[in-house]
C-alpha atoms as a PDB file:
ATOM      1  CA  MET A   1     -10.778 -44.735 176.806  1.00  0.00           C
ATOM      2  CA  LYS A   2      -8.930 -46.065 179.830  1.00  0.00           C
ATOM      3  CA  SER A   3      -8.763 -49.727 180.717  1.00  0.00           C
ATOM      4  CA  GLY A   4     -11.488 -50.778 183.136  1.00  0.00           C
ATOM      5  CA  LEU A   5     -14.134 -48.673 181.426  1.00  0.00           C
ATOM      6  CA  GLU A   6     -15.335 -51.285 178.939  1.00  0.00           C
ATOM      7  CA  LYS A   7     -18.871 -51.080 180.358  1.00  0.00           C
ATOM      8  CA  TRP A   8     -19.055 -47.351 179.647  1.00  0.00           C
ATOM      9  CA  LYS A   9     -20.193 -45.634 176.444  1.00  0.00           C
ATOM     10  CA  LYS A  10     -18.578 -42.264 175.647  1.00  0.00           C
ATOM     11  CA  GLU A  11     -20.403 -39.437 173.875  1.00  0.00           C
ATOM     12  CA  ILE A  12     -18.764 -36.142 172.923  1.00  0.00           C
ATOM     13  CA  ASP A  13     -20.774 -33.185 171.631  1.00  0.00           C
ATOM     14  CA  GLU A  14     -19.734 -29.657 170.749  1.00  0.00           C
ATOM     15  CA  VAL A  15     -22.655 -27.814 172.354  1.00  0.00           C
ATOM     16  CA  SER A  16     -21.423 -24.368 171.346  1.00  0.00           C
ATOM     17  CA  ASN A  17     -18.376 -22.962 169.574  1.00  0.00           C
ATOM     18  CA  CYS A  18     -15.455 -24.709 171.359  1.00  0.00           C
ATOM     19  CA  ILE A  19     -17.655 -25.751 174.303  1.00  0.00           C
ATOM     20  CA  TRP A  20     -17.723 -29.501 174.761  1.00  0.00           C
ATOM     21  CA  LYS A  21     -19.948 -31.927 176.628  1.00  0.00           C
ATOM     22  CA  VAL A  22     -18.412 -35.291 177.481  1.00  0.00           C
ATOM     23  CA  LYS A  23     -20.794 -37.930 178.781  1.00  0.00           C
ATOM     24  CA  LEU A  24     -20.070 -41.484 179.910  1.00  0.00           C
ATOM     25  CA  THR A  25     -22.956 -43.894 180.427  1.00  0.00           C
ATOM     26  CA  HIS A  26     -22.538 -47.204 182.252  1.00  0.00           C
ATOM     27  CA  ALA A  27     -24.275 -50.329 180.928  1.00  0.00           C
ATOM     28  CA  LEU A  28     -26.391 -50.364 184.133  1.00  0.00           C
ATOM     29  CA  GLY A  29     -27.537 -46.759 183.636  1.00  0.00           C
ATOM     30  CA  PRO A  30     -25.436 -44.343 185.720  1.00  0.00           C
ATOM     31  CA  THR A  31     -24.007 -41.371 183.819  1.00  0.00           C
ATOM     32  CA  ILE A  32     -21.222 -38.866 184.299  1.00  0.00           C
ATOM     33  CA  GLU A  33     -21.262 -35.624 182.330  1.00  0.00           C
ATOM     34  CA  LYS A  34     -19.026 -32.558 182.220  1.00  0.00           C
ATOM     35  CA  ILE A  35     -19.112 -29.428 180.072  1.00  0.00           C
ATOM     36  CA  GLY A  36     -16.230 -27.065 179.349  1.00  0.00           C
ATOM     37  CA  ASP A  37     -13.811 -25.655 176.795  1.00  0.00           C
ATOM     38  CA  ASN A  38     -10.860 -28.042 177.269  1.00  0.00           C
ATOM     39  CA  LEU A  39     -11.849 -31.311 175.618  1.00  0.00           C
ATOM     40  CA  LEU A  40      -8.776 -33.282 176.723  1.00  0.00           C
ATOM     41  CA  LEU A  41      -9.173 -32.214 180.347  1.00  0.00           C
ATOM     42  CA  LEU A  42     -12.900 -33.001 180.271  1.00  0.00           C
ATOM     43  CA  GLU A  43     -12.235 -36.490 178.931  1.00  0.00           C
ATOM     44  CA  LYS A  44      -9.615 -37.118 181.620  1.00  0.00           C
ATOM     45  CA  ASP A  45     -11.878 -35.820 184.419  1.00  0.00           C
ATOM     46  CA  VAL A  46     -14.885 -37.836 183.268  1.00  0.00           C
ATOM     47  CA  GLU A  47     -12.812 -41.010 182.936  1.00  0.00           C
ATOM     48  CA  LEU A  48     -11.342 -40.581 186.424  1.00  0.00           C
ATOM     49  CA  SER A  49     -14.836 -40.083 187.825  1.00  0.00           C
ATOM     50  CA  ALA A  50     -16.027 -43.174 185.956  1.00  0.00           C
ATOM     51  CA  ILE A  51     -13.200 -45.270 187.413  1.00  0.00           C
ATOM     52  CA  GLU A  52     -14.294 -44.248 190.913  1.00  0.00           C
ATOM     53  CA  MET A  53     -17.945 -44.893 190.110  1.00  0.00           C
ATOM     54  CA  GLU A  54     -17.059 -48.275 188.569  1.00  0.00           C
ATOM     55  CA  LYS A  55     -15.524 -49.331 191.910  1.00  0.00           C
ATOM     56  CA  GLN A  56     -18.705 -48.275 193.713  1.00  0.00           C
ATOM     57  CA  ILE A  57     -20.917 -50.113 191.217  1.00  0.00           C
ATOM     58  CA  GLU A  58     -18.855 -53.295 191.499  1.00  0.00           C
ATOM     59  CA  GLU A  59     -19.020 -53.147 195.308  1.00  0.00           C
ATOM     60  CA  LYS A  60     -22.785 -52.561 195.237  1.00  0.00           C
ATOM     61  CA  VAL A  61     -23.307 -55.467 192.834  1.00  0.00           C
ATOM     62  CA  LYS A  62     -21.196 -57.760 195.070  1.00  0.00           C
ATOM     63  CA  THR A  63     -23.063 -56.651 198.194  1.00  0.00           C
ATOM     64  CA  THR A  64     -26.449 -57.057 196.549  1.00  0.00           C
ATOM     65  CA  HIS A  65     -25.508 -60.456 195.122  1.00  0.00           C
ATOM     66  CA  ASN A  66     -24.194 -61.666 198.504  1.00  0.00           C
ATOM     67  CA  ASN A  67     -27.368 -60.547 200.283  1.00  0.00           C
ATOM     68  CA  VAL A  68     -29.692 -62.578 198.076  1.00  0.00           C
ATOM     69  CA  TYR A  69     -31.340 -65.303 200.132  1.00  0.00           C
ATOM     70  CA  HIS A  70     -31.511 -68.737 198.588  1.00  0.00           C
ATOM     71  CA  SER A  71     -34.445 -70.990 199.494  1.00  0.00           C
END
């Protein structure tokens, strides 16, 4: 798996003859899933989507953390 995706767990299942499901699950819960017949392309697509989602998650965590009021 690509660098920067350490917080993601990859699952690959052959759901039918030569039909694959690739699923990535982030440690915080979000998932990305694709199904198709080209396993290598599916893995690449899911990883690229996860990289984009990772950026969004990091930004959301920063924003949420910065908005916490301290008493």
